[in-house]
PDB file of all heavy atoms in Angstrom:
ATOM      1  N   HIS A   1     476.854 -14.464  13.639  1.00  0.00           N
ATOM      2  CA  HIS A   1     477.940 -14.048  14.530  1.00  0.00           C
ATOM      3  C   HIS A   1     478.505 -15.171  15.399  1.00  0.00           C
ATOM      4  O   HIS A   1     479.056 -16.119  14.871  1.00  0.00           O
ATOM      5  CB  HIS A   1     477.560 -12.782  15.317  1.00  0.00           C
ATOM      6  CG  HIS A   1     476.350 -12.868  16.187  1.00  0.00           C
ATOM      7  ND1 HIS A   1     476.400 -13.297  17.473  1.00  0.00           N
ATOM      8  CD2 HIS A   1     475.057 -12.570  15.944  1.00  0.00           C
ATOM      9  CE1 HIS A   1     475.181 -13.257  18.000  1.00  0.00           C
ATOM     10  NE2 HIS A   1     474.362 -12.820  17.093  1.00  0.00           N
ATOM     11  N   VAL A   2     478.400 -15.109  16.714  1.00  0.00           N
ATOM     12  CA  VAL A   2     479.105 -16.056  17.584  1.00  0.00           C
ATOM     13  C   VAL A   2     478.619 -17.496  17.463  1.00  0.00           C
ATOM     14  O   VAL A   2     479.300 -18.411  17.915  1.00  0.00           O
ATOM     15  CB  VAL A   2     479.038 -15.634  19.076  1.00  0.00           C
ATOM     16  CG1 VAL A   2     479.760 -14.337  19.296  1.00  0.00           C
ATOM     17  CG2 VAL A   2     477.608 -15.562  19.562  1.00  0.00           C
ATOM     18  N   HIS A   3     477.502 -17.715  16.834  1.00  0.00           N
ATOM     19  CA  HIS A   3     476.990 -19.081  16.693  1.00  0.00           C
ATOM     20  C   HIS A   3     477.845 -19.920  15.744  1.00  0.00           C
ATOM     21  O   HIS A   3     477.687 -21.123  15.672  1.00  0.00           O
ATOM     22  CB  HIS A   3     475.537 -19.069  16.222  1.00  0.00           C
ATOM     23  CG  HIS A   3     474.625 -18.381  17.174  1.00  0.00           C
ATOM     24  ND1 HIS A   3     474.371 -18.867  18.439  1.00  0.00           N
ATOM     25  CD2 HIS A   3     473.932 -17.229  17.060  1.00  0.00           C
ATOM     26  CE1 HIS A   3     473.539 -18.054  19.056  1.00  0.00           C
ATOM     27  NE2 HIS A   3     473.253 -17.052  18.242  1.00  0.00           N
ATOM     28  N   ARG A   4     478.764 -19.286  15.036  1.00  0.00           N
ATOM     29  CA  ARG A   4     479.609 -20.003  14.082  1.00  0.00           C
ATOM     30  C   ARG A   4     480.956 -20.411  14.676  1.00  0.00           C
ATOM     31  O   ARG A   4     481.812 -20.917  13.978  1.00  0.00           O
ATOM     32  CB  ARG A   4     479.862 -19.126  12.856  1.00  0.00           C
ATOM     33  CG  ARG A   4     478.570 -18.767  12.144  1.00  0.00           C
ATOM     34  CD  ARG A   4     478.865 -18.099  10.884  1.00  0.00           C
ATOM     35  NE  ARG A   4     479.165 -19.175   9.938  1.00  0.00           N
ATOM     36  CZ  ARG A   4     479.250 -19.045   8.657  1.00  0.00           C
ATOM     37  NH1 ARG A   4     479.090 -17.888   8.132  1.00  0.00           N
ATOM     38  NH2 ARG A   4     479.530 -20.051   7.877  1.00  0.00           N
ATOM     39  N   LEU A   5     481.169 -20.186  15.954  1.00  0.00           N
ATOM     40  CA  LEU A   5     482.475 -20.464  16.558  1.00  0.00           C
ATOM     41  C   LEU A   5     482.862 -21.935  16.528  1.00  0.00           C
ATOM     42  O   LEU A   5     484.023 -22.276  16.410  1.00  0.00           O
ATOM     43  CB  LEU A   5     482.508 -19.979  18.016  1.00  0.00           C
ATOM     44  CG  LEU A   5     482.531 -18.469  18.202  1.00  0.00           C
ATOM     45  CD1 LEU A   5     482.462 -18.131  19.686  1.00  0.00           C
ATOM     46  CD2 LEU A   5     483.768 -17.869  17.578  1.00  0.00           C
ATOM     47  N   HIS A   6     481.894 -22.797  16.671  1.00  0.00           N
ATOM     48  CA  HIS A   6     482.181 -24.230  16.746  1.00  0.00           C
ATOM     49  C   HIS A   6     481.057 -24.992  16.047  1.00  0.00           C
ATOM     50  O   HIS A   6     479.893 -24.677  16.237  1.00  0.00           O
ATOM     51  CB  HIS A   6     482.271 -24.664  18.215  1.00  0.00           C
ATOM     52  CG  HIS A   6     482.676 -26.085  18.388  1.00  0.00           C
ATOM     53  ND1 HIS A   6     481.760 -27.111  18.399  1.00  0.00           N
ATOM     54  CD2 HIS A   6     483.891 -26.664  18.537  1.00  0.00           C
ATOM     55  CE1 HIS A   6     482.402 -28.263  18.564  1.00  0.00           C
ATOM     56  NE2 HIS A   6     483.688 -28.018  18.652  1.00  0.00           N
ATOM     57  N   PRO A   7     481.377 -26.012  15.268  1.00  0.00           N
ATOM     58  CA  PRO A   7     480.337 -26.740  14.521  1.00  0.00           C
ATOM     59  C   PRO A   7     479.584 -27.754  15.376  1.00  0.00           C
ATOM     60  O   PRO A   7     479.546 -28.933  15.094  1.00  0.00           O
ATOM     61  CB  PRO A   7     481.144 -27.434  13.423  1.00  0.00           C
ATOM     62  CG  PRO A   7     482.474 -27.680  14.049  1.00  0.00           C
ATOM     63  CD  PRO A   7     482.718 -26.493  14.949  1.00  0.00           C
ATOM     64  N   TYR A   8     478.977 -27.305  16.455  1.00  0.00           N
ATOM     65  CA  TYR A   8     478.198 -28.175  17.338  1.00  0.00           C
ATOM     66  C   TYR A   8     476.971 -28.674  16.577  1.00  0.00           C
ATOM     67  O   TYR A   8     476.197 -27.889  16.036  1.00  0.00           O
ATOM     68  CB  TYR A   8     477.788 -27.380  18.583  1.00  0.00           C
ATOM     69  CG  TYR A   8     477.017 -28.159  19.595  1.00  0.00           C
ATOM     70  CD1 TYR A   8     477.642 -29.129  20.369  1.00  0.00           C
ATOM     71  CD2 TYR A   8     475.663 -27.936  19.791  1.00  0.00           C
ATOM     72  CE1 TYR A   8     476.935 -29.844  21.314  1.00  0.00           C
ATOM     73  CE2 TYR A   8     474.952 -28.642  20.729  1.00  0.00           C
ATOM     74  CZ  TYR A   8     475.590 -29.591  21.494  1.00  0.00           C
ATOM     75  OH  TYR A   8     474.894 -30.308  22.431  1.00  0.00           O
ATOM     76  N   LYS A   9     476.800 -29.977  16.491  1.00  0.00           N
ATOM     77  CA  LYS A   9     475.769 -30.553  15.615  1.00  0.00           C
ATOM     78  C   LYS A   9     474.343 -30.416  16.130  1.00  0.00           C
ATOM     79  O   LYS A   9     473.394 -30.538  15.383  1.00  0.00           O
ATOM     80  CB  LYS A   9     476.065 -32.043  15.364  1.00  0.00           C
ATOM     81  CG  LYS A   9     477.388 -32.273  14.655  1.00  0.00           C
ATOM     82  CD  LYS A   9     477.397 -31.654  13.298  1.00  0.00           C
ATOM     83  CE  LYS A   9     478.705 -31.924  12.593  1.00  0.00           C
ATOM     84  NZ  LYS A   9     478.927 -31.082  11.465  1.00  0.00           N
ATOM     85  N   GLY A  10     474.165 -30.165  17.427  1.00  0.00           N
ATOM     86  CA  GLY A  10     472.813 -30.114  17.976  1.00  0.00           C
ATOM     87  C   GLY A  10     472.261 -28.724  18.142  1.00  0.00           C
ATOM     88  O   GLY A  10     471.279 -28.535  18.841  1.00  0.00           O
ATOM     89  N   LYS A  11     472.857 -27.727  17.495  1.00  0.00           N
ATOM     90  CA  LYS A  11     472.406 -26.368  17.772  1.00  0.00           C
ATOM     91  C   LYS A  11     471.167 -25.986  16.972  1.00  0.00           C
ATOM     92  O   LYS A  11     470.916 -26.492  15.886  1.00  0.00           O
ATOM     93  CB  LYS A  11     473.524 -25.361  17.593  1.00  0.00           C
ATOM     94  CG  LYS A  11     474.140 -25.257  16.241  1.00  0.00           C
ATOM     95  CD  LYS A  11     475.259 -24.231  16.295  1.00  0.00           C
ATOM     96  CE  LYS A  11     476.256 -24.462  15.213  1.00  0.00           C
ATOM     97  NZ  LYS A  11     477.348 -23.545  15.260  1.00  0.00           N
ATOM     98  N   PHE A  12     470.407 -25.073  17.575  1.00  0.00           N
ATOM     99  CA  PHE A  12     469.234 -24.505  16.934  1.00  0.00           C
ATOM    100  C   PHE A  12     469.661 -23.374  16.011  1.00  0.00           C
ATOM    101  O   PHE A  12     470.681 -22.738  16.227  1.00  0.00           O
ATOM    102  CB  PHE A  12     468.278 -23.894  17.968  1.00  0.00           C
ATOM    103  CG  PHE A  12     467.637 -24.879  18.880  1.00  0.00           C
ATOM    104  CD1 PHE A  12     468.014 -24.948  20.207  1.00  0.00           C
ATOM    105  CD2 PHE A  12     466.644 -25.727  18.421  1.00  0.00           C
ATOM    106  CE1 PHE A  12     467.411 -25.841  21.065  1.00  0.00           C
ATOM    107  CE2 PHE A  12     466.041 -26.634  19.272  1.00  0.00           C
ATOM    108  CZ  PHE A  12     466.420 -26.685  20.597  1.00  0.00           C
ATOM    109  N   ILE A  13     468.835 -23.069  15.050  1.00  0.00           N
ATOM    110  CA  ILE A  13     469.025 -21.887  14.231  1.00  0.00           C
ATOM    111  C   ILE A  13     468.684 -20.697  15.130  1.00  0.00           C
ATOM    112  O   ILE A  13     467.615 -20.664  15.744  1.00  0.00           O
ATOM    113  CB  ILE A  13     468.107 -21.927  12.995  1.00  0.00           C
ATOM    114  CG1 ILE A  13     468.479 -23.102  12.100  1.00  0.00           C
ATOM    115  CG2 ILE A  13     468.162 -20.613  12.229  1.00  0.00           C
ATOM    116  CD1 ILE A  13     467.492 -23.357  10.984  1.00  0.00           C
ATOM    117  N   PRO A  14     469.560 -19.710  15.257  1.00  0.00           N
ATOM    118  CA  PRO A  14     469.307 -18.587  16.165  1.00  0.00           C
ATOM    119  C   PRO A  14     467.977 -17.879  15.909  1.00  0.00           C
ATOM    120  O   PRO A  14     467.310 -17.453  16.850  1.00  0.00           O
ATOM    121  CB  PRO A  14     470.476 -17.633  15.910  1.00  0.00           C
ATOM    122  CG  PRO A  14     471.520 -18.450  15.261  1.00  0.00           C
ATOM    123  CD  PRO A  14     470.849 -19.581  14.578  1.00  0.00           C
ATOM    124  N   GLN A  15     467.572 -17.778  14.652  1.00  0.00           N
ATOM    125  CA  GLN A  15     466.313 -17.103  14.335  1.00  0.00           C
ATOM    126  C   GLN A  15     465.119 -17.829  14.951  1.00  0.00           C
ATOM    127  O   GLN A  15     464.127 -17.197  15.306  1.00  0.00           O
ATOM    128  CB  GLN A  15     466.129 -16.988  12.815  1.00  0.00           C
ATOM    129  CG  GLN A  15     467.058 -16.001  12.165  1.00  0.00           C
ATOM    130  CD  GLN A  15     468.393 -16.603  11.761  1.00  0.00           C
ATOM    131  OE1 GLN A  15     468.758 -17.696  12.182  1.00  0.00           O
ATOM    132  NE2 GLN A  15     469.156 -15.880  10.974  1.00  0.00           N
ATOM    133  N   LEU A  16     465.200 -19.153  15.072  1.00  0.00           N
ATOM    134  CA  LEU A  16     464.105 -19.918  15.672  1.00  0.00           C
ATOM    135  C   LEU A  16     463.982 -19.590  17.151  1.00  0.00           C
ATOM    136  O   LEU A  16     462.888 -19.346  17.662  1.00  0.00           O
ATOM    137  CB  LEU A  16     464.350 -21.421  15.472  1.00  0.00           C
ATOM    138  CG  LEU A  16     463.251 -22.353  15.967  1.00  0.00           C
ATOM    139  CD1 LEU A  16     461.947 -22.098  15.222  1.00  0.00           C
ATOM    140  CD2 LEU A  16     463.685 -23.796  15.803  1.00  0.00           C
ATOM    141  N   VAL A  17     465.110 -19.549  17.855  1.00  0.00           N
ATOM    142  CA  VAL A  17     465.106 -19.196  19.275  1.00  0.00           C
ATOM    143  C   VAL A  17     464.599 -17.764  19.447  1.00  0.00           C
ATOM    144  O   VAL A  17     463.739 -17.489  20.292  1.00  0.00           O
ATOM    145  CB  VAL A  17     466.517 -19.362  19.886  1.00  0.00           C
ATOM    146  CG1 VAL A  17     466.531 -18.903  21.333  1.00  0.00           C
ATOM    147  CG2 VAL A  17     466.981 -20.804  19.775  1.00  0.00           C
ATOM    148  N   GLU A  18     465.100 -16.854  18.617  1.00  0.00           N
ATOM    149  CA  GLU A  18     464.682 -15.457  18.679  1.00  0.00           C
ATOM    150  C   GLU A  18     463.170 -15.343  18.462  1.00  0.00           C
ATOM    151  O   GLU A  18     462.489 -14.575  19.149  1.00  0.00           O
ATOM    152  CB  GLU A  18     465.432 -14.653  17.621  1.00  0.00           C
ATOM    153  CG  GLU A  18     465.081 -13.188  17.586  1.00  0.00           C
ATOM    154  CD  GLU A  18     465.808 -12.448  16.469  1.00  0.00           C
ATOM    155  OE1 GLU A  18     466.256 -13.088  15.487  1.00  0.00           O
ATOM    156  OE2 GLU A  18     465.911 -11.225  16.579  1.00  0.00           O
ATOM    157  N   TYR A  19     462.634 -16.111  17.513  1.00  0.00           N
ATOM    158  CA  TYR A  19     461.199 -16.089  17.217  1.00  0.00           C
ATOM    159  C   TYR A  19     460.380 -16.373  18.475  1.00  0.00           C
ATOM    160  O   TYR A  19     459.397 -15.701  18.755  1.00  0.00           O
ATOM    161  CB  TYR A  19     460.878 -17.125  16.129  1.00  0.00           C
ATOM    162  CG  TYR A  19     459.409 -17.260  15.814  1.00  0.00           C
ATOM    163  CD1 TYR A  19     458.810 -16.436  14.869  1.00  0.00           C
ATOM    164  CD2 TYR A  19     458.620 -18.205  16.464  1.00  0.00           C
ATOM    165  CE1 TYR A  19     457.462 -16.555  14.571  1.00  0.00           C
ATOM    166  CE2 TYR A  19     457.270 -18.324  16.179  1.00  0.00           C
ATOM    167  CZ  TYR A  19     456.691 -17.498  15.233  1.00  0.00           C
ATOM    168  OH  TYR A  19     455.358 -17.608  14.953  1.00  0.00           O
ATOM    169  N   PHE A  20     460.797 -17.370  19.256  1.00  0.00           N
ATOM    170  CA  PHE A  20     460.024 -17.740  20.430  1.00  0.00           C
ATOM    171  C   PHE A  20     460.289 -16.843  21.635  1.00  0.00           C
ATOM    172  O   PHE A  20     459.443 -16.737  22.522  1.00  0.00           O
ATOM    173  CB  PHE A  20     460.269 -19.206  20.794  1.00  0.00           C
ATOM    174  CG  PHE A  20     459.603 -20.141  19.824  1.00  0.00           C
ATOM    175  CD1 PHE A  20     460.353 -20.847  18.907  1.00  0.00           C
ATOM    176  CD2 PHE A  20     458.228 -20.283  19.807  1.00  0.00           C
ATOM    177  CE1 PHE A  20     459.738 -21.696  17.992  1.00  0.00           C
ATOM    178  CE2 PHE A  20     457.600 -21.121  18.904  1.00  0.00           C
ATOM    179  CZ  PHE A  20     458.360 -21.833  17.990  1.00  0.00           C
ATOM    180  N   LEU A  21     461.436 -16.200  21.680  1.00  0.00           N
ATOM    181  CA  LEU A  21     461.765 -15.345  22.823  1.00  0.00           C
ATOM    182  C   LEU A  21     461.319 -13.895  22.654  1.00  0.00           C
ATOM    183  O   LEU A  21     461.014 -13.233  23.648  1.00  0.00           O
ATOM    184  CB  LEU A  21     463.276 -15.359  23.088  1.00  0.00           C
ATOM    185  CG  LEU A  21     463.900 -16.669  23.533  1.00  0.00           C
ATOM    186  CD1 LEU A  21     465.385 -16.467  23.825  1.00  0.00           C
ATOM    187  CD2 LEU A  21     463.190 -17.249  24.746  1.00  0.00           C
ATOM    188  N   ASP A  22     461.313 -13.377  21.433  1.00  0.00           N
ATOM    189  CA  ASP A  22     461.044 -11.949  21.264  1.00  0.00           C
ATOM    190  C   ASP A  22     459.578 -11.618  21.527  1.00  0.00           C
ATOM    191  O   ASP A  22     458.760 -12.488  21.794  1.00  0.00           O
ATOM    192  CB  ASP A  22     461.527 -11.444  19.902  1.00  0.00           C
ATOM    193  CG  ASP A  22     460.688 -11.903  18.731  1.00  0.00           C
ATOM    194  OD1 ASP A  22     459.583 -12.441  18.923  1.00  0.00           O
ATOM    195  OD2 ASP A  22     461.148 -11.716  17.588  1.00  0.00           O
ATOM    196  N   SER A  23     459.258 -10.329  21.456  1.00  0.00           N
ATOM    197  CA  SER A  23     457.934  -9.866  21.882  1.00  0.00           C
ATOM    198  C   SER A  23     456.913  -9.734  20.757  1.00  0.00           C
ATOM    199  O   SER A  23     455.835  -9.207  20.979  1.00  0.00           O
ATOM    200  CB  SER A  23     458.088  -8.519  22.601  1.00  0.00           C
ATOM    201  OG  SER A  23     458.643  -7.571  21.713  1.00  0.00           O
ATOM    202  N   HIS A  24     457.226 -10.224  19.556  1.00  0.00           N
ATOM    203  CA  HIS A  24     456.255 -10.095  18.464  1.00  0.00           C
ATOM    204  C   HIS A  24     455.191 -11.197  18.554  1.00  0.00           C
ATOM    205  O   HIS A  24     455.406 -12.235  19.185  1.00  0.00           O
ATOM    206  CB  HIS A  24     456.957 -10.156  17.101  1.00  0.00           C
ATOM    207  CG  HIS A  24     457.064 -11.543  16.551  1.00  0.00           C
ATOM    208  ND1 HIS A  24     457.991 -12.450  17.009  1.00  0.00           N
ATOM    209  CD2 HIS A  24     456.315 -12.190  15.616  1.00  0.00           C
ATOM    210  CE1 HIS A  24     457.815 -13.593  16.360  1.00  0.00           C
ATOM    211  NE2 HIS A  24     456.814 -13.461  15.516  1.00  0.00           N
ATOM    212  N   VAL A  25     454.051 -10.961  17.940  1.00  0.00           N
ATOM    213  CA  VAL A  25     453.024 -11.986  17.765  1.00  0.00           C
ATOM    214  C   VAL A  25     452.673 -12.036  16.286  1.00  0.00           C
ATOM    215  O   VAL A  25     452.842 -11.066  15.559  1.00  0.00           O
ATOM    216  CB  VAL A  25     451.754 -11.717  18.612  1.00  0.00           C
ATOM    217  CG1 VAL A  25     452.033 -11.885  20.088  1.00  0.00           C
ATOM    218  CG2 VAL A  25     451.168 -10.357  18.333  1.00  0.00           C
ATOM    219  N   ASP A  26     452.206 -13.200  15.826  1.00  0.00           N
ATOM    220  CA  ASP A  26     451.785 -13.356  14.437  1.00  0.00           C
ATOM    221  C   ASP A  26     450.719 -14.444  14.393  1.00  0.00           C
ATOM    222  O   ASP A  26     450.184 -14.825  15.431  1.00  0.00           O
ATOM    223  CB  ASP A  26     452.981 -13.663  13.524  1.00  0.00           C
ATOM    224  CG  ASP A  26     453.718 -14.942  13.886  1.00  0.00           C
ATOM    225  OD1 ASP A  26     453.115 -15.848  14.510  1.00  0.00           O
ATOM    226  OD2 ASP A  26     454.900 -15.053  13.535  1.00  0.00           O
ATOM    227  N   GLY A  27     450.432 -14.963  13.208  1.00  0.00           N
ATOM    228  CA  GLY A  27     449.393 -15.976  13.073  1.00  0.00           C
ATOM    229  C   GLY A  27     449.690 -17.265  13.817  1.00  0.00           C
ATOM    230  O   GLY A  27     448.775 -17.977  14.227  1.00  0.00           O
ATOM    231  N   SER A  28     450.959 -17.594  14.026  1.00  0.00           N
ATOM    232  CA  SER A  28     451.328 -18.825  14.727  1.00  0.00           C
ATOM    233  C   SER A  28     451.662 -18.585  16.197  1.00  0.00           C
ATOM    234  O   SER A  28     451.427 -19.429  17.042  1.00  0.00           O
ATOM    235  CB  SER A  28     452.542 -19.478  14.058  1.00  0.00           C
ATOM    236  OG  SER A  28     452.226 -19.855  12.744  1.00  0.00           O
ATOM    237  N   LYS A  29     452.230 -17.455  16.490  1.00  0.00           N
ATOM    238  CA  LYS A  29     452.620 -17.102  17.864  1.00  0.00           C
ATOM    239  C   LYS A  29     451.658 -16.011  18.329  1.00  0.00           C
ATOM    240  O   LYS A  29     451.820 -14.852  18.016  1.00  0.00           O
ATOM    241  CB  LYS A  29     454.070 -16.618  17.875  1.00  0.00           C
ATOM    242  CG  LYS A  29     454.588 -16.234  19.236  1.00  0.00           C
ATOM    243  CD  LYS A  29     456.022 -15.728  19.116  1.00  0.00           C
ATOM    244  CE  LYS A  29     456.441 -14.986  20.340  1.00  0.00           C
ATOM    245  NZ  LYS A  29     457.728 -14.319  20.172  1.00  0.00           N
ATOM    246  N   THR A  30     450.646 -16.414  19.073  1.00  0.00           N
ATOM    247  CA  THR A  30     449.577 -15.487  19.432  1.00  0.00           C
ATOM    248  C   THR A  30     449.792 -14.773  20.755  1.00  0.00           C
ATOM    249  O   THR A  30     449.043 -13.867  21.097  1.00  0.00           O
ATOM    250  CB  THR A  30     448.221 -16.224  19.466  1.00  0.00           C
ATOM    251  OG1 THR A  30     448.327 -17.306  20.399  1.00  0.00           O
ATOM    252  CG2 THR A  30     447.858 -16.759  18.086  1.00  0.00           C
ATOM    253  N   GLU A  31     450.773 -15.200  21.532  1.00  0.00           N
ATOM    254  CA  GLU A  31     451.098 -14.498  22.761  1.00  0.00           C
ATOM    255  C   GLU A  31     452.590 -14.630  23.055  1.00  0.00           C
ATOM    256  O   GLU A  31     453.264 -15.481  22.487  1.00  0.00           O
ATOM    257  CB  GLU A  31     450.269 -15.016  23.942  1.00  0.00           C
ATOM    258  CG  GLU A  31     450.379 -16.507  24.208  1.00  0.00           C
ATOM    259  CD  GLU A  31     449.396 -16.965  25.278  1.00  0.00           C
ATOM    260  OE1 GLU A  31     449.527 -16.524  26.433  1.00  0.00           O
ATOM    261  OE2 GLU A  31     448.502 -17.756  24.935  1.00  0.00           O
ATOM    262  N   THR A  32     453.081 -13.756  23.918  1.00  0.00           N
ATOM    263  CA  THR A  32     454.495 -13.786  24.268  1.00  0.00           C
ATOM    264  C   THR A  32     454.639 -14.270  25.707  1.00  0.00           C
ATOM    265  O   THR A  32     453.712 -14.140  26.517  1.00  0.00           O
ATOM    266  CB  THR A  32     455.148 -12.404  24.113  1.00  0.00           C
ATOM    267  OG1 THR A  32     454.503 -11.483  24.971  1.00  0.00           O
ATOM    268  CG2 THR A  32     455.059 -11.931  22.683  1.00  0.00           C
ATOM    269  N   TYR A  33     455.797 -14.830  25.998  1.00  0.00           N
ATOM    270  CA  TYR A  33     456.018 -15.403  27.326  1.00  0.00           C
ATOM    271  C   TYR A  33     457.200 -14.771  28.051  1.00  0.00           C
ATOM    272  O   TYR A  33     457.370 -14.973  29.245  1.00  0.00           O
ATOM    273  CB  TYR A  33     456.248 -16.909  27.196  1.00  0.00           C
ATOM    274  CG  TYR A  33     455.060 -17.620  26.607  1.00  0.00           C
ATOM    275  CD1 TYR A  33     455.019 -17.918  25.243  1.00  0.00           C
ATOM    276  CD2 TYR A  33     453.965 -17.950  27.382  1.00  0.00           C
ATOM    277  CE1 TYR A  33     453.918 -18.536  24.688  1.00  0.00           C
ATOM    278  CE2 TYR A  33     452.855 -18.575  26.842  1.00  0.00           C
ATOM    279  CZ  TYR A  33     452.838 -18.864  25.487  1.00  0.00           C
ATOM    280  OH  TYR A  33     451.745 -19.476  24.941  1.00  0.00           O
ATOM    281  N   PHE A  34     458.035 -14.032  27.330  1.00  0.00           N
ATOM    282  CA  PHE A  34     459.240 -13.476  27.929  1.00  0.00           C
ATOM    283  C   PHE A  34     459.319 -11.985  27.662  1.00  0.00           C
ATOM    284  O   PHE A  34     458.892 -11.504  26.630  1.00  0.00           O
ATOM    285  CB  PHE A  34     460.489 -14.153  27.347  1.00  0.00           C
ATOM    286  CG  PHE A  34     460.456 -15.647  27.479  1.00  0.00           C
ATOM    287  CD1 PHE A  34     460.150 -16.451  26.386  1.00  0.00           C
ATOM    288  CD2 PHE A  34     460.738 -16.259  28.692  1.00  0.00           C
ATOM    289  CE1 PHE A  34     460.101 -17.827  26.511  1.00  0.00           C
ATOM    290  CE2 PHE A  34     460.695 -17.634  28.817  1.00  0.00           C
ATOM    291  CZ  PHE A  34     460.384 -18.425  27.724  1.00  0.00           C
ATOM    292  N   LYS A  35     459.906 -11.283  28.628  1.00  0.00           N
ATOM    293  CA  LYS A  35     460.152  -9.853  28.447  1.00  0.00           C
ATOM    294  C   LYS A  35     461.522  -9.531  29.017  1.00  0.00           C
ATOM    295  O   LYS A  35     462.116 -10.333  29.752  1.00  0.00           O
ATOM    296  CB  LYS A  35     459.059  -9.015  29.101  1.00  0.00           C
ATOM    297  CG  LYS A  35     458.960  -9.164  30.604  1.00  0.00           C
ATOM    298  CD  LYS A  35     457.766  -8.388  31.134  1.00  0.00           C
ATOM    299  CE  LYS A  35     457.613  -8.498  32.629  1.00  0.00           C
ATOM    300  NZ  LYS A  35     457.593  -9.821  33.201  1.00  0.00           N
ATOM    301  N   LYS A  36     462.018  -8.386  28.654  1.00  0.00           N
ATOM    302  CA  LYS A  36     463.324  -7.929  29.118  1.00  0.00           C
ATOM    303  C   LYS A  36     463.394  -8.060  30.645  1.00  0.00           C
ATOM    304  O   LYS A  36     462.455  -7.689  31.346  1.00  0.00           O
ATOM    305  CB  LYS A  36     463.526  -6.476  28.688  1.00  0.00           C
ATOM    306  CG  LYS A  36     464.913  -5.988  28.746  1.00  0.00           C
ATOM    307  CD  LYS A  36     465.018  -4.604  28.135  1.00  0.00           C
ATOM    308  CE  LYS A  36     466.476  -4.263  27.955  1.00  0.00           C
ATOM    309  NZ  LYS A  36     466.655  -3.082  27.153  1.00  0.00           N
ATOM    310  N   GLY A  37     464.496  -8.623  31.127  1.00  0.00           N
ATOM    311  CA  GLY A  37     464.692  -8.795  32.573  1.00  0.00           C
ATOM    312  C   GLY A  37     464.248 -10.139  33.113  1.00  0.00           C
ATOM    313  O   GLY A  37     464.588 -10.491  34.245  1.00  0.00           O
ATOM    314  N   ASP A  38     463.449 -10.892  32.347  1.00  0.00           N
ATOM    315  CA  ASP A  38     463.044 -12.232  32.789  1.00  0.00           C
ATOM    316  C   ASP A  38     464.247 -13.165  32.845  1.00  0.00           C
ATOM    317  O   ASP A  38     465.319 -12.841  32.334  1.00  0.00           O
ATOM    318  CB  ASP A  38     461.998 -12.827  31.835  1.00  0.00           C
ATOM    319  CG  ASP A  38     460.601 -12.277  32.063  1.00  0.00           C
ATOM    320  OD1 ASP A  38     460.400 -11.540  33.047  1.00  0.00           O
ATOM    321  OD2 ASP A  38     459.717 -12.579  31.239  1.00  0.00           O
ATOM    322  N   ILE A  39     464.047 -14.336  33.426  1.00  0.00           N
ATOM    323  CA  ILE A  39     465.100 -15.352  33.505  1.00  0.00           C
ATOM    324  C   ILE A  39     464.596 -16.626  32.830  1.00  0.00           C
ATOM    325  O   ILE A  39     463.498 -17.092  33.111  1.00  0.00           O
ATOM    326  CB  ILE A  39     465.476 -15.666  34.960  1.00  0.00           C
ATOM    327  CG1 ILE A  39     465.979 -14.406  35.668  1.00  0.00           C
ATOM    328  CG2 ILE A  39     466.544 -16.770  35.012  1.00  0.00           C
ATOM    329  CD1 ILE A  39     466.191 -14.594  37.173  1.00  0.00           C
ATOM    330  N   ILE A  40     465.424 -17.176  31.970  1.00  0.00           N
ATOM    331  CA  ILE A  40     465.123 -18.442  31.294  1.00  0.00           C
ATOM    332  C   ILE A  40     466.080 -19.495  31.840  1.00  0.00           C
ATOM    333  O   ILE A  40     467.269 -19.225  32.008  1.00  0.00           O
ATOM    334  CB  ILE A  40     465.336 -18.317  29.773  1.00  0.00           C
ATOM    335  CG1 ILE A  40     464.304 -17.379  29.175  1.00  0.00           C
ATOM    336  CG2 ILE A  40     465.284 -19.677  29.089  1.00  0.00           C
ATOM    337  CD1 ILE A  40     464.514 -17.109  27.705  1.00  0.00           C
ATOM    338  N   LEU A  41     465.577 -20.683  32.090  1.00  0.00           N
ATOM    339  CA  LEU A  41     466.425 -21.813  32.469  1.00  0.00           C
ATOM    340  C   LEU A  41     466.537 -22.733  31.258  1.00  0.00           C
ATOM    341  O   LEU A  41     465.531 -23.195  30.723  1.00  0.00           O
ATOM    342  CB  LEU A  41     465.832 -22.587  33.649  1.00  0.00           C
ATOM    343  CG  LEU A  41     466.535 -23.901  33.989  1.00  0.00           C
ATOM    344  CD1 LEU A  41     467.966 -23.630  34.453  1.00  0.00           C
ATOM    345  CD2 LEU A  41     465.764 -24.665  35.045  1.00  0.00           C
ATOM    346  N   ASP A  42     467.760 -22.963  30.805  1.00  0.00           N
ATOM    347  CA  ASP A  42     468.010 -23.900  29.705  1.00  0.00           C
ATOM    348  C   ASP A  42     468.769 -25.078  30.302  1.00  0.00           C
ATOM    349  O   ASP A  42     469.977 -25.011  30.502  1.00  0.00           O
ATOM    350  CB  ASP A  42     468.815 -23.223  28.600  1.00  0.00           C
ATOM    351  CG  ASP A  42     468.980 -24.107  27.369  1.00  0.00           C
ATOM    352  OD1 ASP A  42     468.692 -25.319  27.461  1.00  0.00           O
ATOM    353  OD2 ASP A  42     469.411 -23.588  26.324  1.00  0.00           O
ATOM    354  N   PRO A  43     468.080 -26.186  30.581  1.00  0.00           N
ATOM    355  CA  PRO A  43     468.725 -27.320  31.255  1.00  0.00           C
ATOM    356  C   PRO A  43     469.677 -28.124  30.361  1.00  0.00           C
ATOM    357  O   PRO A  43     470.386 -28.989  30.858  1.00  0.00           O
ATOM    358  CB  PRO A  43     467.550 -28.173  31.720  1.00  0.00           C
ATOM    359  CG  PRO A  43     466.450 -27.839  30.782  1.00  0.00           C
ATOM    360  CD  PRO A  43     466.662 -26.401  30.378  1.00  0.00           C
ATOM    361  N   PHE A  44     469.680 -27.836  29.077  1.00  0.00           N
ATOM    362  CA  PHE A  44     470.588 -28.500  28.133  1.00  0.00           C
ATOM    363  C   PHE A  44     471.179 -27.409  27.245  1.00  0.00           C
ATOM    364  O   PHE A  44     470.840 -27.300  26.074  1.00  0.00           O
ATOM    365  CB  PHE A  44     469.841 -29.539  27.297  1.00  0.00           C
ATOM    366  CG  PHE A  44     469.040 -30.493  28.140  1.00  0.00           C
ATOM    367  CD1 PHE A  44     467.673 -30.334  28.298  1.00  0.00           C
ATOM    368  CD2 PHE A  44     469.671 -31.540  28.795  1.00  0.00           C
ATOM    369  CE1 PHE A  44     466.937 -31.205  29.081  1.00  0.00           C
ATOM    370  CE2 PHE A  44     468.947 -32.423  29.585  1.00  0.00           C
ATOM    371  CZ  PHE A  44     467.575 -32.254  29.731  1.00  0.00           C
TER     372      PHE A  44
END
């Protein structure tokens, strides 16, 4: 969706960001750090 608006060369794949932000756990992600309502600071 909106990630295709501009061909910015330094962007992450949205699924990668979603993987680290969402609430699932698996063999590599053993705990979660964010929940609905939290605030994330993205300095770049």
